Amino acid sequence: MKAFFTIINNLDRRIIFLAMVVAVIWPLVTPLALPVQITPNTQSSYDVIEKLNPGDRIILSFDYDPASSPELQPMAKAVMTHCYRKDVKMIAVALWPQGPMMAKKAFESLAGEAEFSGKKYGVDFVNLGVQPSYVAVVKGMGDSIPGVFPTDFFGSKTTDFAIMKGIKNYRDVAAIFSLTTGSAGIGTYVTIANAQYKTTVTGGCTAISSLEYYPYLQSKQLSGLVEGLKGASEYERLVKKPGLATAGMDVQAVVHMMLIFFILLANLSQAIAGKQK
């Protein structure tokens, strides 16, 4: 026993570093799909999409940049998967300058999957891009969405797309789902689109900003909230398609368990070796 704890006390720290590297890489290569409890807020957001009818159209607002994509991009893909399977049409807009590129990447990544190979741009989804002054944009869409976005992100006329036929303003969309980091996003849609036009608003955000939106949840102005990477992993479970969010949560769980194990082992070995001295 003494020999064992002597070895532990003198263990080369590089072995611990190597073990942590394995703990990070292993779940990313082979997701473990560890149990995740679905929170009521995530379930409520999921239910907003689940209750829609085939052919309904929603605004999917990409209000984040690459820095927040590790949390929000898996969330976006899970929501888009849900919409595709429900045959809900997605009108992508952005309140952040980098948002259209985030939308483009998400659409392209799903387009490469056999399940969604039949989905067509302009029919099942469209990327309208971004316009300056996000408050004016959200207010303007209450009067005319094509007026605010006369062309899509690639320069084609908005009203030429089949998905935009009959779309004038918020009253013509079934819901708004905003993927938010920072000030422009969920809060803007709640205070304008929901408060003034009674449009259903739901969304997801980075974990650090989730508390900012709790008052809207309590007042029922916000219909659910997908919170951070954990919320994204919950949404992936709900659509039965584990992805990067599930793998990311697996990594956190495994690394945390290993840290606890090494801390306990180090303290135990030090205590026992000290007594034996």
C-alpha atoms as a PDB file:
ATOM      1  CA  MET A   1       0.000   0.000   0.000  1.00  0.00           C
ATOM      2  CA  LYS A   2       2.806   2.389   0.933  1.00  0.00           C
ATOM      3  CA  ALA A   3       4.590   1.653  -2.330  1.00  0.00           C
ATOM      4  CA  PHE A   4       1.407   2.388  -4.309  1.00  0.00           C
ATOM      5  CA  PHE A   5       0.830   5.781  -2.713  1.00  0.00           C
ATOM      6  CA  THR A   6       4.521   6.627  -3.043  1.00  0.00           C
ATOM      7  CA  ILE A   7       4.175   6.053  -6.806  1.00  0.00           C
ATOM      8  CA  ILE A   8       1.050   8.260  -6.881  1.00  0.00           C
ATOM      9  CA  ASN A   9       2.832  11.053  -5.023  1.00  0.00           C
ATOM     10  CA  ASN A  10       5.711  10.940  -7.487  1.00  0.00           C
ATOM     11  CA  LEU A  11       3.568  10.506 -10.595  1.00  0.00           C
ATOM     12  CA  ASP A  12       4.809  12.485 -13.595  1.00  0.00           C
ATOM     13  CA  ARG A  13       2.271  15.248 -14.190  1.00  0.00           C
ATOM     14  CA  ARG A  14       2.542  14.659 -17.938  1.00  0.00           C
ATOM     15  CA  ILE A  15       0.639  11.396 -17.441  1.00  0.00           C
ATOM     16  CA  ILE A  16      -2.238  13.373 -15.940  1.00  0.00           C
ATOM     17  CA  PHE A  17      -2.104  15.836 -18.842  1.00  0.00           C
ATOM     18  CA  LEU A  18      -2.227  12.918 -21.301  1.00  0.00           C
ATOM     19  CA  ALA A  19      -5.217  11.430 -19.471  1.00  0.00           C
ATOM     20  CA  MET A  20      -7.046  14.771 -19.746  1.00  0.00           C
ATOM     21  CA  VAL A  21      -6.304  14.960 -23.483  1.00  0.00           C
ATOM     22  CA  VAL A  22      -7.810  11.488 -23.930  1.00  0.00           C
ATOM     23  CA  ALA A  23     -10.826  12.543 -21.846  1.00  0.00           C
ATOM     24  CA  VAL A  24     -11.426  15.476 -24.206  1.00  0.00           C
ATOM     25  CA  ILE A  25     -10.853  13.666 -27.515  1.00  0.00           C
ATOM     26  CA  TRP A  26     -12.658  10.396 -26.756  1.00  0.00           C
ATOM     27  CA  PRO A  27     -16.223  11.805 -26.392  1.00  0.00           C
ATOM     28  CA  LEU A  28     -15.721  14.046 -29.440  1.00  0.00           C
ATOM     29  CA  VAL A  29     -14.763  11.075 -31.614  1.00  0.00           C
ATOM     30  CA  THR A  30     -17.325   8.693 -30.101  1.00  0.00           C
ATOM     31  CA  PRO A  31     -20.167  10.602 -28.363  1.00  0.00           C
ATOM     32  CA  LEU A  32     -21.225   8.814 -25.207  1.00  0.00           C
ATOM     33  CA  ALA A  33     -24.732  10.325 -25.146  1.00  0.00           C
ATOM     34  CA  LEU A  34     -24.704  10.491 -21.346  1.00  0.00           C
ATOM     35  CA  PRO A  35     -28.125  11.085 -19.746  1.00  0.00           C
ATOM     36  CA  VAL A  36     -29.365  14.677 -19.954  1.00  0.00           C
ATOM     37  CA  GLN A  37     -32.456  15.951 -18.169  1.00  0.00           C
ATOM     38  CA  ILE A  38     -34.650  18.070 -20.429  1.00  0.00           C
ATOM     39  CA  THR A  39     -35.374  21.397 -18.719  1.00  0.00           C
ATOM     40  CA  PRO A  40     -38.836  23.006 -18.948  1.00  0.00           C
ATOM     41  CA  ASN A  41     -37.434  26.026 -20.815  1.00  0.00           C
ATOM     42  CA  THR A  42     -35.922  23.888 -23.579  1.00  0.00           C
ATOM     43  CA  GLN A  43     -39.074  21.779 -23.776  1.00  0.00           C
ATOM     44  CA  SER A  44     -41.178  24.918 -24.189  1.00  0.00           C
ATOM     45  CA  SER A  45     -39.026  26.141 -27.092  1.00  0.00           C
ATOM     46  CA  TYR A  46     -39.242  22.717 -28.709  1.00  0.00           C
ATOM     47  CA  ASP A  47     -43.023  22.698 -28.275  1.00  0.00           C
ATOM     48  CA  VAL A  48     -43.356  26.007 -30.157  1.00  0.00           C
ATOM     49  CA  ILE A  49     -41.950  24.339 -33.297  1.00  0.00           C
ATOM     50  CA  GLU A  50     -43.606  20.982 -32.609  1.00  0.00           C
ATOM     51  CA  LYS A  51     -47.094  22.538 -32.583  1.00  0.00           C
ATOM     52  CA  LEU A  52     -46.671  24.175 -35.997  1.00  0.00           C
ATOM     53  CA  ASN A  53     -48.318  22.759 -39.104  1.00  0.00           C
ATOM     54  CA  PRO A  54     -46.512  21.657 -42.283  1.00  0.00           C
ATOM     55  CA  GLY A  55     -46.059  24.683 -44.511  1.00  0.00           C
ATOM     56  CA  ASP A  56     -46.003  27.189 -41.660  1.00  0.00           C
ATOM     57  CA  ARG A  57     -43.223  29.768 -41.873  1.00  0.00           C
ATOM     58  CA  ILE A  58     -41.033  31.096 -39.081  1.00  0.00           C
ATOM     59  CA  ILE A  59     -38.375  33.775 -38.775  1.00  0.00           C
ATOM     60  CA  LEU A  60     -35.088  32.185 -37.694  1.00  0.00           C
ATOM     61  CA  SER A  61     -32.863  35.034 -36.548  1.00  0.00           C
ATOM     62  CA  PHE A  62     -29.092  34.448 -36.428  1.00  0.00           C
ATOM     63  CA  ASP A  63     -28.018  37.054 -33.899  1.00  0.00           C
ATOM     64  CA  TYR A  64     -24.502  35.911 -33.061  1.00  0.00           C
ATOM     65  CA  ASP A  65     -20.946  35.801 -34.353  1.00  0.00           C
ATOM     66  CA  PRO A  66     -18.274  33.083 -34.678  1.00  0.00           C
ATOM     67  CA  ALA A  67     -17.119  33.628 -31.079  1.00  0.00           C
ATOM     68  CA  SER A  68     -20.468  32.295 -29.820  1.00  0.00           C
ATOM     69  CA  SER A  69     -20.861  29.582 -32.452  1.00  0.00           C
ATOM     70  CA  PRO A  70     -19.632  26.692 -30.231  1.00  0.00           C
ATOM     71  CA  GLU A  71     -22.806  27.134 -28.171  1.00  0.00           C
ATOM     72  CA  LEU A  72     -25.254  28.497 -30.745  1.00  0.00           C
ATOM     73  CA  GLN A  73     -24.345  26.758 -34.009  1.00  0.00           C
ATOM     74  CA  PRO A  74     -25.263  23.246 -32.720  1.00  0.00           C
ATOM     75  CA  MET A  75     -28.464  24.805 -31.383  1.00  0.00           C
ATOM     76  CA  ALA A  76     -29.246  26.315 -34.777  1.00  0.00           C
ATOM     77  CA  LYS A  77     -28.702  22.983 -36.520  1.00  0.00           C
ATOM     78  CA  ALA A  78     -30.967  21.166 -34.052  1.00  0.00           C
ATOM     79  CA  VAL A  79     -33.766  23.717 -34.542  1.00  0.00           C
ATOM     80  CA  MET A  80     -33.360  23.585 -38.317  1.00  0.00           C
ATOM     81  CA  THR A  81     -33.479  19.778 -38.231  1.00  0.00           C
ATOM     82  CA  HIS A  82     -36.743  20.009 -36.295  1.00  0.00           C
ATOM     83  CA  CYS A  83     -38.197  22.476 -38.820  1.00  0.00           C
ATOM     84  CA  TYR A  84     -37.131  20.384 -41.798  1.00  0.00           C
ATOM     85  CA  ARG A  85     -38.752  17.273 -40.364  1.00  0.00           C
ATOM     86  CA  LYS A  86     -41.954  19.188 -39.629  1.00  0.00           C
ATOM     87  CA  ASP A  87     -41.840  20.801 -43.097  1.00  0.00           C
ATOM     88  CA  VAL A  88     -41.801  24.221 -41.435  1.00  0.00           C
ATOM     89  CA  LYS A  89     -40.285  26.851 -43.738  1.00  0.00           C
ATOM     90  CA  MET A  90     -37.462  29.020 -42.371  1.00  0.00           C
ATOM     91  CA  ILE A  91     -36.907  32.686 -43.222  1.00  0.00           C
ATOM     92  CA  ALA A  92     -33.413  33.424 -41.914  1.00  0.00           C
ATOM     93  CA  VAL A  93     -32.538  36.997 -40.985  1.00  0.00           C
ATOM     94  CA  ALA A  94     -29.781  38.473 -38.825  1.00  0.00           C
ATOM     95  CA  LEU A  95     -29.361  41.380 -36.449  1.00  0.00           C
ATOM     96  CA  TRP A  96     -25.590  40.834 -36.233  1.00  0.00           C
ATOM     97  CA  PRO A  97     -23.282  41.498 -39.231  1.00  0.00           C
ATOM     98  CA  GLN A  98     -21.786  37.996 -39.023  1.00  0.00           C
ATOM     99  CA  GLY A  99     -25.183  36.318 -38.679  1.00  0.00           C
ATOM    100  CA  PRO A 100     -25.812  35.628 -42.386  1.00  0.00           C
ATOM    101  CA  MET A 101     -22.577  33.643 -42.631  1.00  0.00           C
ATOM    102  CA  MET A 102     -23.593  31.625 -39.572  1.00  0.00           C
ATOM    103  CA  ALA A 103     -26.920  30.894 -41.285  1.00  0.00           C
ATOM    104  CA  LYS A 104     -25.169  29.967 -44.536  1.00  0.00           C
ATOM    105  CA  LYS A 105     -22.859  27.521 -42.744  1.00  0.00           C
ATOM    106  CA  ALA A 106     -25.736  25.904 -40.863  1.00  0.00           C
ATOM    107  CA  PHE A 107     -27.849  25.473 -44.002  1.00  0.00           C
ATOM    108  CA  GLU A 108     -24.913  24.076 -45.976  1.00  0.00           C
ATOM    109  CA  SER A 109     -23.990  21.574 -43.277  1.00  0.00           C
ATOM    110  CA  LEU A 110     -27.524  20.147 -43.247  1.00  0.00           C
ATOM    111  CA  ALA A 111     -27.797  20.211 -47.038  1.00  0.00           C
ATOM    112  CA  GLY A 112     -25.011  17.624 -47.162  1.00  0.00           C
ATOM    113  CA  GLU A 113     -27.090  15.107 -45.213  1.00  0.00           C
ATOM    114  CA  ALA A 114     -29.130  12.530 -47.109  1.00  0.00           C
ATOM    115  CA  GLU A 115     -32.180  13.134 -44.900  1.00  0.00           C
ATOM    116  CA  PHE A 116     -32.509  16.710 -46.161  1.00  0.00           C
ATOM    117  CA  SER A 117     -31.215  16.340 -49.721  1.00  0.00           C
ATOM    118  CA  GLY A 118     -34.636  17.262 -51.143  1.00  0.00           C
ATOM    119  CA  LYS A 119     -34.841  20.620 -49.385  1.00  0.00           C
ATOM    120  CA  LYS A 120     -34.507  23.593 -51.716  1.00  0.00           C
ATOM    121  CA  TYR A 121     -33.289  27.140 -51.232  1.00  0.00           C
ATOM    122  CA  GLY A 122     -36.088  29.633 -51.772  1.00  0.00           C
ATOM    123  CA  VAL A 123     -38.722  26.992 -51.086  1.00  0.00           C
ATOM    124  CA  ASP A 124     -37.880  25.461 -47.708  1.00  0.00           C
ATOM    125  CA  PHE A 125     -35.509  28.134 -46.444  1.00  0.00           C
ATOM    126  CA  VAL A 126     -34.078  31.486 -47.445  1.00  0.00           C
ATOM    127  CA  ASN A 127     -31.269  33.643 -46.086  1.00  0.00           C
ATOM    128  CA  LEU A 128     -32.301  37.315 -46.196  1.00  0.00           C
ATOM    129  CA  GLY A 129     -29.040  38.576 -44.708  1.00  0.00           C
ATOM    130  CA  VAL A 130     -28.630  41.596 -42.429  1.00  0.00           C
ATOM    131  CA  GLN A 131     -29.541  45.278 -42.452  1.00  0.00           C
ATOM    132  CA  PRO A 132     -28.051  48.047 -40.254  1.00  0.00           C
ATOM    133  CA  SER A 133     -29.691  49.385 -37.080  1.00  0.00           C
ATOM    134  CA  TYR A 134     -31.250  46.295 -35.520  1.00  0.00           C
ATOM    135  CA  VAL A 135     -34.039  48.129 -33.661  1.00  0.00           C
ATOM    136  CA  ALA A 136     -35.196  49.785 -36.886  1.00  0.00           C
ATOM    137  CA  VAL A 137     -35.017  46.391 -38.624  1.00  0.00           C
ATOM    138  CA  VAL A 138     -37.213  44.643 -36.049  1.00  0.00           C
ATOM    139  CA  LYS A 139     -39.696  47.541 -36.085  1.00  0.00           C
ATOM    140  CA  GLY A 140     -39.665  47.679 -39.870  1.00  0.00           C
ATOM    141  CA  MET A 141     -40.511  43.993 -40.248  1.00  0.00           C
ATOM    142  CA  GLY A 142     -43.751  44.737 -38.408  1.00  0.00           C
ATOM    143  CA  ASP A 143     -44.770  46.767 -41.488  1.00  0.00           C
ATOM    144  CA  SER A 144     -43.042  44.915 -44.312  1.00  0.00           C
ATOM    145  CA  ILE A 145     -40.465  42.126 -44.206  1.00  0.00           C
ATOM    146  CA  PRO A 146     -39.731  42.400 -47.967  1.00  0.00           C
ATOM    147  CA  GLY A 147     -39.481  46.156 -47.485  1.00  0.00           C
ATOM    148  CA  VAL A 148     -36.696  45.738 -44.929  1.00  0.00           C
ATOM    149  CA  PHE A 149     -35.030  42.916 -46.893  1.00  0.00           C
ATOM    150  CA  PRO A 150     -35.652  43.685 -50.613  1.00  0.00           C
ATOM    151  CA  THR A 151     -32.978  41.154 -51.619  1.00  0.00           C
ATOM    152  CA  ASP A 152     -31.592  38.019 -50.003  1.00  0.00           C
ATOM    153  CA  PHE A 153     -28.006  37.586 -48.784  1.00  0.00           C
ATOM    154  CA  PHE A 154     -26.891  36.687 -52.315  1.00  0.00           C
ATOM    155  CA  GLY A 155     -28.586  39.631 -54.064  1.00  0.00           C
ATOM    156  CA  SER A 156     -31.715  37.951 -55.470  1.00  0.00           C
ATOM    157  CA  LYS A 157     -35.071  39.714 -55.190  1.00  0.00           C
ATOM    158  CA  THR A 158     -36.865  38.567 -52.028  1.00  0.00           C
ATOM    159  CA  THR A 159     -40.374  38.509 -53.487  1.00  0.00           C
ATOM    160  CA  ASP A 160     -39.270  36.083 -56.225  1.00  0.00           C
ATOM    161  CA  PHE A 161     -38.871  33.218 -53.743  1.00  0.00           C
ATOM    162  CA  ALA A 162     -41.737  30.773 -53.248  1.00  0.00           C
ATOM    163  CA  ILE A 163     -41.214  30.816 -49.476  1.00  0.00           C
ATOM    164  CA  MET A 164     -41.934  34.568 -49.428  1.00  0.00           C
ATOM    165  CA  LYS A 165     -45.265  34.406 -51.270  1.00  0.00           C
ATOM    166  CA  GLY A 166     -47.946  35.928 -49.046  1.00  0.00           C
ATOM    167  CA  ILE A 167     -45.408  37.159 -46.498  1.00  0.00           C
ATOM    168  CA  LYS A 168     -45.850  40.809 -45.599  1.00  0.00           C
ATOM    169  CA  ASN A 169     -45.153  41.227 -41.885  1.00  0.00           C
ATOM    170  CA  TYR A 170     -45.145  39.440 -38.510  1.00  0.00           C
ATOM    171  CA  ARG A 171     -48.802  38.489 -38.861  1.00  0.00           C
ATOM    172  CA  ASP A 172     -47.847  36.149 -41.708  1.00  0.00           C
ATOM    173  CA  VAL A 173     -45.286  34.105 -39.752  1.00  0.00           C
ATOM    174  CA  ALA A 174     -46.109  31.493 -37.132  1.00  0.00           C
ATOM    175  CA  ALA A 175     -43.242  32.295 -34.735  1.00  0.00           C
ATOM    176  CA  ILE A 176     -39.840  33.910 -34.290  1.00  0.00           C
ATOM    177  CA  PHE A 177     -36.853  31.892 -33.070  1.00  0.00           C
ATOM    178  CA  SER A 178     -33.852  34.061 -32.214  1.00  0.00           C
ATOM    179  CA  LEU A 179     -30.374  32.629 -31.581  1.00  0.00           C
ATOM    180  CA  THR A 180     -28.865  35.364 -29.454  1.00  0.00           C
ATOM    181  CA  THR A 181     -25.644  36.605 -27.968  1.00  0.00           C
ATOM    182  CA  GLY A 182     -25.472  40.177 -26.721  1.00  0.00           C
ATOM    183  CA  SER A 183     -28.091  42.908 -26.792  1.00  0.00           C
ATOM    184  CA  ALA A 184     -29.559  42.456 -30.281  1.00  0.00           C
ATOM    185  CA  GLY A 185     -31.841  39.452 -30.458  1.00  0.00           C
ATOM    186  CA  ILE A 186     -34.386  37.904 -28.124  1.00  0.00           C
ATOM    187  CA  GLY A 187     -34.989  41.035 -26.066  1.00  0.00           C
ATOM    188  CA  THR A 188     -35.537  43.148 -29.185  1.00  0.00           C
ATOM    189  CA  TYR A 189     -38.067  40.706 -30.636  1.00  0.00           C
ATOM    190  CA  VAL A 190     -39.918  40.355 -27.324  1.00  0.00           C
ATOM    191  CA  THR A 191     -40.289  44.110 -26.769  1.00  0.00           C
ATOM    192  CA  ILE A 192     -41.362  44.814 -30.359  1.00  0.00           C
ATOM    193  CA  ALA A 193     -42.663  41.753 -32.212  1.00  0.00           C
ATOM    194  CA  ASN A 194     -44.377  40.171 -29.204  1.00  0.00           C
ATOM    195  CA  ALA A 195     -45.423  43.279 -27.272  1.00  0.00           C
ATOM    196  CA  GLN A 196     -46.754  45.181 -30.289  1.00  0.00           C
ATOM    197  CA  TYR A 197     -47.760  42.437 -32.751  1.00  0.00           C
ATOM    198  CA  LYS A 198     -48.428  39.487 -30.394  1.00  0.00           C
ATOM    199  CA  THR A 199     -46.106  37.265 -32.409  1.00  0.00           C
ATOM    200  CA  THR A 200     -44.866  34.160 -30.586  1.00  0.00           C
ATOM    201  CA  VAL A 201     -41.188  34.604 -29.701  1.00  0.00           C
ATOM    202  CA  THR A 202     -38.839  31.878 -28.508  1.00  0.00           C
ATOM    203  CA  GLY A 203     -35.117  31.352 -28.861  1.00  0.00           C
ATOM    204  CA  GLY A 204     -31.783  30.270 -27.525  1.00  0.00           C
ATOM    205  CA  CYS A 205     -28.803  32.097 -26.073  1.00  0.00           C
ATOM    206  CA  THR A 206     -25.338  31.648 -24.627  1.00  0.00           C
ATOM    207  CA  ALA A 207     -25.383  30.286 -21.089  1.00  0.00           C
ATOM    208  CA  ILE A 208     -23.875  33.428 -19.575  1.00  0.00           C
ATOM    209  CA  SER A 209     -26.702  35.642 -20.868  1.00  0.00           C
ATOM    210  CA  SER A 210     -29.664  33.382 -20.053  1.00  0.00           C
ATOM    211  CA  LEU A 211     -30.604  35.088 -16.771  1.00  0.00           C
ATOM    212  CA  GLU A 212     -31.213  38.311 -18.696  1.00  0.00           C
ATOM    213  CA  TYR A 213     -34.271  36.742 -20.323  1.00  0.00           C
ATOM    214  CA  TYR A 214     -35.899  35.142 -17.283  1.00  0.00           C
ATOM    215  CA  PRO A 215     -38.230  38.122 -16.683  1.00  0.00           C
ATOM    216  CA  TYR A 216     -39.621  37.586 -20.200  1.00  0.00           C
ATOM    217  CA  LEU A 217     -40.184  33.912 -19.416  1.00  0.00           C
ATOM    218  CA  GLN A 218     -41.991  34.769 -16.187  1.00  0.00           C
ATOM    219  CA  SER A 219     -44.226  37.291 -17.960  1.00  0.00           C
ATOM    220  CA  LYS A 220     -44.981  34.716 -20.724  1.00  0.00           C
ATOM    221  CA  GLN A 221     -43.690  37.108 -23.385  1.00  0.00           C
ATOM    222  CA  LEU A 222     -40.964  34.592 -24.217  1.00  0.00           C
ATOM    223  CA  SER A 223     -42.162  31.059 -24.998  1.00  0.00           C
ATOM    224  CA  GLY A 224     -39.217  28.972 -23.826  1.00  0.00           C
ATOM    225  CA  LEU A 225     -35.458  29.423 -23.869  1.00  0.00           C
ATOM    226  CA  VAL A 226     -32.669  27.072 -24.966  1.00  0.00           C
ATOM    227  CA  GLU A 227     -29.764  27.914 -22.667  1.00  0.00           C
ATOM    228  CA  GLY A 228     -26.184  27.435 -23.783  1.00  0.00           C
ATOM    229  CA  LEU A 229     -24.456  24.207 -24.767  1.00  0.00           C
ATOM    230  CA  LYS A 230     -26.500  22.162 -22.301  1.00  0.00           C
ATOM    231  CA  GLY A 231     -29.730  23.496 -23.761  1.00  0.00           C
ATOM    232  CA  ALA A 232     -28.459  22.724 -27.259  1.00  0.00           C
ATOM    233  CA  SER A 233     -27.689  19.141 -26.196  1.00  0.00           C
ATOM    234  CA  GLU A 234     -31.206  18.849 -24.763  1.00  0.00           C
ATOM    235  CA  TYR A 235     -32.688  20.011 -28.078  1.00  0.00           C
ATOM    236  CA  GLU A 236     -30.530  17.467 -29.903  1.00  0.00           C
ATOM    237  CA  ARG A 237     -31.974  14.753 -27.669  1.00  0.00           C
ATOM    238  CA  LEU A 238     -35.513  15.968 -28.343  1.00  0.00           C
ATOM    239  CA  VAL A 239     -34.999  15.725 -32.116  1.00  0.00           C
ATOM    240  CA  LYS A 240     -33.166  12.408 -31.597  1.00  0.00           C
ATOM    241  CA  LYS A 241     -30.045  13.590 -33.380  1.00  0.00           C
ATOM    242  CA  PRO A 242     -27.010  13.857 -31.062  1.00  0.00           C
ATOM    243  CA  GLY A 243     -24.373  16.217 -32.420  1.00  0.00           C
ATOM    244  CA  LEU A 244     -21.631  18.581 -31.295  1.00  0.00           C
ATOM    245  CA  ALA A 245     -23.599  19.869 -28.293  1.00  0.00           C
ATOM    246  CA  THR A 246     -24.099  16.334 -26.980  1.00  0.00           C
ATOM    247  CA  ALA A 247     -20.410  15.578 -27.540  1.00  0.00           C
ATOM    248  CA  GLY A 248     -19.453  18.839 -25.822  1.00  0.00           C
ATOM    249  CA  MET A 249     -21.499  18.000 -22.742  1.00  0.00           C
ATOM    250  CA  ASP A 250     -19.989  14.496 -22.709  1.00  0.00           C
ATOM    251  CA  VAL A 251     -16.515  16.076 -22.709  1.00  0.00           C
ATOM    252  CA  GLN A 252     -17.422  18.323 -19.774  1.00  0.00           C
ATOM    253  CA  ALA A 253     -18.843  15.416 -17.786  1.00  0.00           C
ATOM    254  CA  VAL A 254     -15.858  13.122 -18.376  1.00  0.00           C
ATOM    255  CA  VAL A 255     -13.281  15.851 -17.664  1.00  0.00           C
ATOM    256  CA  HIS A 256     -15.058  16.903 -14.472  1.00  0.00           C
ATOM    257  CA  MET A 257     -15.222  13.299 -13.254  1.00  0.00           C
ATOM    258  CA  MET A 258     -11.510  12.818 -13.969  1.00  0.00           C
ATOM    259  CA  LEU A 259     -10.606  16.030 -12.159  1.00  0.00           C
ATOM    260  CA  ILE A 260     -12.576  14.933  -9.104  1.00  0.00           C
ATOM    261  CA  PHE A 261     -10.931  11.496  -9.248  1.00  0.00           C
ATOM    262  CA  PHE A 262      -7.390  12.910  -9.444  1.00  0.00           C
ATOM    263  CA  ILE A 263      -8.044  15.433  -6.656  1.00  0.00           C
ATOM    264  CA  LEU A 264      -9.414  12.739  -4.352  1.00  0.00           C
ATOM    265  CA  LEU A 265      -6.586  10.346  -5.230  1.00  0.00           C
ATOM    266  CA  ALA A 266      -3.912  12.985  -4.650  1.00  0.00           C
ATOM    267  CA  ASN A 267      -5.326  14.002  -1.273  1.00  0.00           C
ATOM    268  CA  LEU A 268      -5.809  10.407  -0.169  1.00  0.00           C
ATOM    269  CA  SER A 269      -2.292   9.390  -1.168  1.00  0.00           C
ATOM    270  CA  GLN A 270      -0.801  12.434   0.552  1.00  0.00           C
ATOM    271  CA  ALA A 271      -2.747  11.759   3.744  1.00  0.00           C
ATOM    272  CA  ILE A 272      -1.824   8.067   3.899  1.00  0.00           C
ATOM    273  CA  ALA A 273       1.802   8.552   2.844  1.00  0.00           C
ATOM    274  CA  GLY A 274       2.141  11.323   5.450  1.00  0.00           C
ATOM    275  CA  LYS A 275       0.830   9.060   8.225  1.00  0.00           C
ATOM    276  CA  GLN A 276       3.164   6.261   7.244  1.00  0.00           C
ATOM    277  CA  LYS A 277       6.158   8.598   7.412  1.00  0.00           C
END
